[in-house]
C-alpha atoms as a PDB file:
ATOM      1  CA  PHE A   1     -33.196  97.246 157.166  1.00  0.00           C
ATOM      2  CA  ASN A   2     -29.404  97.355 157.562  1.00  0.00           C
ATOM      3  CA  LEU A   3     -28.921  94.939 154.690  1.00  0.00           C
ATOM      4  CA  LYS A   4     -31.159  97.037 152.472  1.00  0.00           C
ATOM      5  CA  MET A   5     -29.240 100.219 153.340  1.00  0.00           C
ATOM      6  CA  LEU A   6     -25.918  98.532 152.658  1.00  0.00           C
ATOM      7  CA  TRP A   7     -27.180  97.406 149.252  1.00  0.00           C
ATOM      8  CA  ILE A   8     -28.304 100.964 148.409  1.00  0.00           C
ATOM      9  CA  VAL A   9     -24.935 102.383 149.474  1.00  0.00           C
ATOM     10  CA  PHE A  10     -23.145  99.785 147.323  1.00  0.00           C
ATOM     11  CA  LEU A  11     -25.225 100.615 144.243  1.00  0.00           C
ATOM     12  CA  CYS A  12     -24.678 104.360 144.710  1.00  0.00           C
ATOM     13  CA  THR A  13     -20.918 103.843 145.025  1.00  0.00           C
ATOM     14  CA  VAL A  14     -20.791 101.767 141.836  1.00  0.00           C
ATOM     15  CA  ALA A  15     -22.874 104.372 139.973  1.00  0.00           C
ATOM     16  CA  ALA A  16     -20.628 107.214 141.142  1.00  0.00           C
ATOM     17  CA  CYS A  17     -17.459 105.359 140.073  1.00  0.00           C
ATOM     18  CA  TYR A  18     -18.925 104.560 136.671  1.00  0.00           C
ATOM     19  CA  ALA A  19     -19.966 108.180 136.129  1.00  0.00           C
ATOM     20  CA  ASN A  20     -16.428 109.415 136.836  1.00  0.00           C
ATOM     21  CA  PHE A  21     -14.644 106.761 134.805  1.00  0.00           C
ATOM     22  CA  PRO A  22     -13.540 108.126 131.407  1.00  0.00           C
ATOM     23  CA  THR A  23     -14.784 106.303 128.367  1.00  0.00           C
ATOM     24  CA  PHE A  24     -12.396 105.147 125.651  1.00  0.00           C
ATOM     25  CA  LYS A  25     -13.709 107.929 123.410  1.00  0.00           C
ATOM     26  CA  GLN A  26     -13.068 110.603 126.065  1.00  0.00           C
ATOM     27  CA  GLU A  27      -9.533 109.331 126.626  1.00  0.00           C
ATOM     28  CA  PHE A  28      -8.893 109.289 122.867  1.00  0.00           C
ATOM     29  CA  ILE A  29     -10.094 112.889 122.528  1.00  0.00           C
ATOM     30  CA  TYR A  30      -7.955 113.893 125.515  1.00  0.00           C
ATOM     31  CA  GLU A  31      -4.748 112.433 124.026  1.00  0.00           C
ATOM     32  CA  ASP A  32      -5.405 114.076 120.658  1.00  0.00           C
ATOM     33  CA  GLU A  33      -6.063 117.438 122.341  1.00  0.00           C
ATOM     34  CA  MET A  34      -2.692 117.109 124.077  1.00  0.00           C
ATOM     35  CA  LYS A  35      -0.701 116.469 120.879  1.00  0.00           C
ATOM     36  CA  CYS A  36       0.294 120.074 120.205  1.00  0.00           C
ATOM     37  CA  ALA A  37       1.360 120.832 123.789  1.00  0.00           C
ATOM     38  CA  THR A  38       3.124 117.482 124.078  1.00  0.00           C
ATOM     39  CA  CYS A  39       4.956 118.037 120.790  1.00  0.00           C
ATOM     40  CA  ARG A  40       6.331 121.355 122.040  1.00  0.00           C
ATOM     41  CA  LEU A  41       7.358 119.780 125.339  1.00  0.00           C
ATOM     42  CA  VAL A  42       9.222 116.937 123.611  1.00  0.00           C
ATOM     43  CA  VAL A  43      10.901 119.152 120.993  1.00  0.00           C
ATOM     44  CA  ASP A  44      12.093 121.625 123.624  1.00  0.00           C
ATOM     45  CA  GLU A  45      13.577 118.858 125.804  1.00  0.00           C
ATOM     46  CA  ILE A  46      15.315 117.173 122.835  1.00  0.00           C
ATOM     47  CA  SER A  47      16.704 120.495 121.558  1.00  0.00           C
ATOM     48  CA  PHE A  48      18.145 121.300 124.970  1.00  0.00           C
ATOM     49  CA  ARG A  49      19.994 117.984 125.113  1.00  0.00           C
ATOM     50  CA  PHE A  50      21.496 118.456 121.662  1.00  0.00           C
ATOM     51  CA  GLU A  51      22.557 122.004 122.589  1.00  0.00           C
ATOM     52  CA  ASN A  52      24.608 120.608 125.465  1.00  0.00           C
ATOM     53  CA  VAL A  53      26.660 118.210 123.348  1.00  0.00           C
ATOM     54  CA  ASN A  54      29.742 119.325 121.449  1.00  0.00           C
ATOM     55  CA  PRO A  55      28.869 118.636 117.765  1.00  0.00           C
ATOM     56  CA  LYS A  56      32.504 117.734 117.122  1.00  0.00           C
ATOM     57  CA  SER A  57      32.666 115.013 119.794  1.00  0.00           C
ATOM     58  CA  LYS A  58      33.229 111.563 118.297  1.00  0.00           C
ATOM     59  CA  LEU A  59      32.213 108.066 119.365  1.00  0.00           C
ATOM     60  CA  GLU A  60      34.091 104.904 118.406  1.00  0.00           C
ATOM     61  CA  THR A  61      31.647 102.412 116.908  1.00  0.00           C
ATOM     62  CA  GLY A  62      33.865  99.469 115.963  1.00  0.00           C
ATOM     63  CA  MET A  63      36.687  98.192 113.806  1.00  0.00           C
ATOM     64  CA  ALA A  64      37.136  99.482 110.257  1.00  0.00           C
ATOM     65  CA  GLY A  65      40.105  97.468 109.058  1.00  0.00           C
ATOM     66  CA  ILE A  66      43.811  97.290 109.799  1.00  0.00           C
ATOM     67  CA  LYS A  67      46.332 100.101 109.392  1.00  0.00           C
ATOM     68  CA  PRO A  68      49.663  99.579 107.545  1.00  0.00           C
ATOM     69  CA  ASP A  69      51.417  99.328 110.911  1.00  0.00           C
ATOM     70  CA  GLY A  70      49.224  96.373 111.895  1.00  0.00           C
ATOM     71  CA  THR A  71      47.012  98.196 114.413  1.00  0.00           C
ATOM     72  CA  TYR A  72      43.238  98.227 114.154  1.00  0.00           C
ATOM     73  CA  LYS A  73      41.516 101.263 112.683  1.00  0.00           C
ATOM     74  CA  GLN A  74      38.483 102.542 114.625  1.00  0.00           C
ATOM     75  CA  THR A  75      35.302 103.857 113.030  1.00  0.00           C
ATOM     76  CA  LYS A  76      34.138 107.147 114.563  1.00  0.00           C
ATOM     77  CA  ILE A  77      30.868 109.061 114.200  1.00  0.00           C
ATOM     78  CA  PRO A  78      29.618 112.282 115.852  1.00  0.00           C
ATOM     79  CA  TYR A  79      28.388 111.362 119.340  1.00  0.00           C
ATOM     80  CA  LEU A  80      25.196 113.425 119.003  1.00  0.00           C
ATOM     81  CA  LEU A  81      24.183 111.344 115.939  1.00  0.00           C
ATOM     82  CA  SER A  82      24.922 107.995 117.574  1.00  0.00           C
ATOM     83  CA  ASP A  83      22.174 105.497 118.392  1.00  0.00           C
ATOM     84  CA  THR A  84      23.445 105.589 121.982  1.00  0.00           C
ATOM     85  CA  HIS A  85      22.815 109.317 122.354  1.00  0.00           C
ATOM     86  CA  ILE A  86      19.482 109.455 120.532  1.00  0.00           C
ATOM     87  CA  THR A  87      18.101 106.377 122.315  1.00  0.00           C
ATOM     88  CA  GLU A  88      19.159 107.807 125.669  1.00  0.00           C
ATOM     89  CA  ILE A  89      17.318 111.056 124.928  1.00  0.00           C
ATOM     90  CA  LEU A  90      14.085 109.355 123.843  1.00  0.00           C
ATOM     91  CA  ASP A  91      14.152 106.938 126.774  1.00  0.00           C
ATOM     92  CA  GLN A  92      14.460 109.734 129.332  1.00  0.00           C
ATOM     93  CA  ILE A  93      12.544 112.610 127.757  1.00  0.00           C
ATOM     94  CA  CYS A  94       9.146 111.873 129.314  1.00  0.00           C
ATOM     95  CA  ASP A  95      10.569 111.439 132.820  1.00  0.00           C
ATOM     96  CA  ASN A  96      10.732 115.244 132.958  1.00  0.00           C
ATOM     97  CA  SER A  97       6.959 115.582 132.497  1.00  0.00           C
ATOM     98  CA  TRP A  98       6.501 116.314 136.203  1.00  0.00           C
ATOM     99  CA  HIS A  99       8.171 119.708 135.608  1.00  0.00           C
ATOM    100  CA  TYR A 100       5.155 120.731 133.504  1.00  0.00           C
ATOM    101  CA  VAL A 101       1.718 121.970 134.570  1.00  0.00           C
ATOM    102  CA  HIS A 102      -1.498 122.861 132.792  1.00  0.00           C
ATOM    103  CA  MET A 103      -1.701 126.633 132.235  1.00  0.00           C
ATOM    104  CA  GLY A 104      -5.230 126.749 130.819  1.00  0.00           C
ATOM    105  CA  ASP A 105      -6.141 126.636 127.144  1.00  0.00           C
ATOM    106  CA  ASP A 106      -4.612 128.504 124.223  1.00  0.00           C
ATOM    107  CA  PRO A 107      -6.947 131.443 123.407  1.00  0.00           C
ATOM    108  CA  ILE A 108      -6.610 130.862 119.645  1.00  0.00           C
ATOM    109  CA  THR A 109      -6.481 127.089 119.160  1.00  0.00           C
ATOM    110  CA  LYS A 110      -8.488 126.267 122.337  1.00  0.00           C
ATOM    111  CA  LEU A 111      -6.050 123.399 122.902  1.00  0.00           C
ATOM    112  CA  PRO A 112      -4.441 122.754 126.326  1.00  0.00           C
ATOM    113  CA  HIS A 113      -1.327 124.781 127.093  1.00  0.00           C
ATOM    114  CA  ILE A 114       1.303 123.294 129.390  1.00  0.00           C
ATOM    115  CA  GLN A 115       4.420 125.023 130.653  1.00  0.00           C
ATOM    116  CA  ARG A 116       7.634 124.117 132.428  1.00  0.00           C
ATOM    117  CA  LEU A 117       7.789 125.574 135.930  1.00  0.00           C
ATOM    118  CA  ASN A 118      11.580 125.892 135.767  1.00  0.00           C
ATOM    119  CA  SER A 119      13.276 126.968 132.555  1.00  0.00           C
ATOM    120  CA  LEU A 120      15.666 124.575 130.828  1.00  0.00           C
ATOM    121  CA  ARG A 121      17.955 127.407 129.756  1.00  0.00           C
ATOM    122  CA  GLY A 122      17.819 129.570 132.861  1.00  0.00           C
ATOM    123  CA  ASP A 123      15.359 132.086 131.413  1.00  0.00           C
ATOM    124  CA  PRO A 124      12.862 133.638 133.874  1.00  0.00           C
ATOM    125  CA  VAL A 125       9.479 131.900 133.909  1.00  0.00           C
ATOM    126  CA  ASN A 126       6.512 134.278 133.962  1.00  0.00           C
ATOM    127  CA  LEU A 127       3.383 132.672 135.402  1.00  0.00           C
ATOM    128  CA  GLU A 128       1.465 135.930 135.935  1.00  0.00           C
ATOM    129  CA  GLY A 129      -1.885 136.185 134.243  1.00  0.00           C
ATOM    130  CA  ASN A 130      -1.991 132.453 133.560  1.00  0.00           C
ATOM    131  CA  LYS A 131      -4.538 130.005 134.846  1.00  0.00           C
ATOM    132  CA  LEU A 132      -2.312 127.678 136.846  1.00  0.00           C
ATOM    133  CA  ASN A 133      -4.028 124.308 137.241  1.00  0.00           C
ATOM    134  CA  ILE A 134      -1.569 122.267 139.312  1.00  0.00           C
ATOM    135  CA  GLN A 135      -4.471 120.319 140.808  1.00  0.00           C
ATOM    136  CA  ASP A 136      -6.337 119.982 137.498  1.00  0.00           C
ATOM    137  CA  LYS A 137      -7.959 116.547 137.531  1.00  0.00           C
ATOM    138  CA  GLU A 138      -8.072 116.483 133.749  1.00  0.00           C
ATOM    139  CA  LEU A 139      -4.362 117.169 133.208  1.00  0.00           C
ATOM    140  CA  THR A 140      -2.440 115.610 136.073  1.00  0.00           C
ATOM    141  CA  PRO A 141       1.338 115.044 135.769  1.00  0.00           C
ATOM    142  CA  ASP A 142       0.613 111.351 135.158  1.00  0.00           C
ATOM    143  CA  LYS A 143      -1.604 112.187 132.194  1.00  0.00           C
ATOM    144  CA  ILE A 144       0.975 114.579 130.774  1.00  0.00           C
ATOM    145  CA  LYS A 145       3.597 111.837 131.105  1.00  0.00           C
ATOM    146  CA  ARG A 146       1.336 109.272 129.434  1.00  0.00           C
ATOM    147  CA  ALA A 147       0.609 111.688 126.577  1.00  0.00           C
ATOM    148  CA  CYS A 148       4.363 112.238 126.207  1.00  0.00           C
ATOM    149  CA  PHE A 149       5.121 108.510 125.921  1.00  0.00           C
ATOM    150  CA  SER A 150       2.275 108.082 123.428  1.00  0.00           C
ATOM    151  CA  PHE A 151       3.535 110.970 121.279  1.00  0.00           C
ATOM    152  CA  VAL A 152       7.167 109.790 121.284  1.00  0.00           C
ATOM    153  CA  GLU A 153       6.119 106.278 120.331  1.00  0.00           C
ATOM    154  CA  LYS A 154       4.042 107.511 117.396  1.00  0.00           C
ATOM    155  CA  TYR A 155       6.370 110.222 116.029  1.00  0.00           C
ATOM    156  CA  GLU A 156       9.804 108.895 117.037  1.00  0.00           C
ATOM    157  CA  ASP A 157      11.058 108.222 113.497  1.00  0.00           C
ATOM    158  CA  GLU A 158       9.977 111.638 112.209  1.00  0.00           C
ATOM    159  CA  MET A 159      11.564 113.460 115.154  1.00  0.00           C
ATOM    160  CA  VAL A 160      14.852 111.576 114.863  1.00  0.00           C
ATOM    161  CA  GLU A 161      15.031 112.246 111.107  1.00  0.00           C
ATOM    162  CA  GLU A 162      14.386 115.981 111.547  1.00  0.00           C
ATOM    163  CA  PHE A 163      16.830 116.473 114.411  1.00  0.00           C
ATOM    164  CA  VAL A 164      19.576 114.534 112.612  1.00  0.00           C
ATOM    165  CA  LYS A 165      19.247 117.036 109.741  1.00  0.00           C
ATOM    166  CA  LEU A 166      19.200 120.063 112.026  1.00  0.00           C
ATOM    167  CA  VAL A 167      22.221 119.129 114.150  1.00  0.00           C
ATOM    168  CA  GLN A 168      24.316 118.509 111.041  1.00  0.00           C
ATOM    169  CA  SER A 169      23.525 121.950 109.661  1.00  0.00           C
ATOM    170  CA  LYS A 170      26.183 124.655 109.451  1.00  0.00           C
ATOM    171  CA  SER A 171      24.217 126.929 111.801  1.00  0.00           C
ATOM    172  CA  PHE A 172      24.383 124.316 114.560  1.00  0.00           C
ATOM    173  CA  VAL A 173      27.861 122.829 114.024  1.00  0.00           C
ATOM    174  CA  GLU A 174      29.721 126.086 113.379  1.00  0.00           C
ATOM    175  CA  LYS A 175      27.522 128.818 114.845  1.00  0.00           C
ATOM    176  CA  ARG A 176      26.037 126.740 117.693  1.00  0.00           C
ATOM    177  CA  LYS A 177      22.526 128.026 117.004  1.00  0.00           C
ATOM    178  CA  SER A 178      19.813 126.082 118.794  1.00  0.00           C
ATOM    179  CA  PRO A 179      17.693 123.824 116.542  1.00  0.00           C
ATOM    180  CA  LEU A 180      14.628 124.605 118.700  1.00  0.00           C
ATOM    181  CA  LYS A 181      12.944 127.275 116.546  1.00  0.00           C
ATOM    182  CA  LYS A 182      13.118 125.284 113.301  1.00  0.00           C
ATOM    183  CA  ALA A 183      12.204 122.021 115.026  1.00  0.00           C
ATOM    184  CA  LEU A 184       9.120 123.578 116.639  1.00  0.00           C
ATOM    185  CA  LYS A 185       7.957 124.937 113.287  1.00  0.00           C
ATOM    186  CA  ARG A 186       8.494 121.731 111.301  1.00  0.00           C
ATOM    187  CA  LEU A 187       7.469 119.149 113.893  1.00  0.00           C
ATOM    188  CA  CYS A 188       4.709 121.009 115.756  1.00  0.00           C
ATOM    189  CA  ASN A 189       3.442 124.385 114.575  1.00  0.00           C
ATOM    190  CA  ASP A 190       3.051 123.421 110.897  1.00  0.00           C
ATOM    191  CA  LYS A 191       1.099 120.275 111.782  1.00  0.00           C
ATOM    192  CA  ASP A 192      -2.677 119.957 111.693  1.00  0.00           C
ATOM    193  CA  PHE A 193      -2.806 119.031 115.383  1.00  0.00           C
ATOM    194  CA  CYS A 194      -1.613 122.548 116.349  1.00  0.00           C
ATOM    195  CA  SER A 195      -4.271 124.368 114.300  1.00  0.00           C
ATOM    196  CA  PRO A 196      -7.535 125.907 115.579  1.00  0.00           C
ATOM    197  CA  GLU A 197      -9.461 123.699 113.138  1.00  0.00           C
ATOM    198  CA  PHE A 198      -8.114 120.572 114.844  1.00  0.00           C
ATOM    199  CA  TYR A 199      -9.962 121.374 118.090  1.00  0.00           C
ATOM    200  CA  LYS A 200     -13.219 121.957 116.221  1.00  0.00           C
ATOM    201  CA  THR A 201     -12.863 118.660 114.346  1.00  0.00           C
ATOM    202  CA  LEU A 202     -12.254 116.745 117.564  1.00  0.00           C
ATOM    203  CA  HIS A 203     -15.278 118.142 119.345  1.00  0.00           C
ATOM    204  CA  LYS A 204     -17.675 117.485 116.483  1.00  0.00           C
ATOM    205  CA  GLU A 205     -17.416 113.876 117.604  1.00  0.00           C
ATOM    206  CA  LEU A 206     -18.549 114.594 121.179  1.00  0.00           C
END
């Protein structure tokens, strides 16, 4: 009798685990649903880091010949455009994912909305009226972080190219205007994955 009961308990445990384990298709849909929110997270974090670097700061990158007096001439480039700076940003950007929580779904696009609990720029954060899902099993901090890494890996070249253009613009170098608004529009809001139709297309497959 005991052996039979143990066998039944074992089978029920296996069945329960299997039922709660996400399929590859579910995980794929989840990561695609997160693209828009993740894009905004990444763009905001990158913009903030560029805003905090003096656009006129230079970095020595190596020798560029010899001066008439016999000393070596150094090559210099803007620090914010250096491989060192950009690589550092992309390597660290997703480590800040734990600052973000799921705030429910966007009423228009129906896609997940995530928000930083503490503002990057010191602005007040208004959480009133939002559905705060800190314990949301579907969008845990680990899943947000994984979605962030996946997004950066896929769109790294496009993001670097766009930000290099923006931080060399007159509005940024001379007027110190944040590149955030233009970057959000070009890299996120104008993309298919931030449109209401994108959600409908995804869920036709379910």
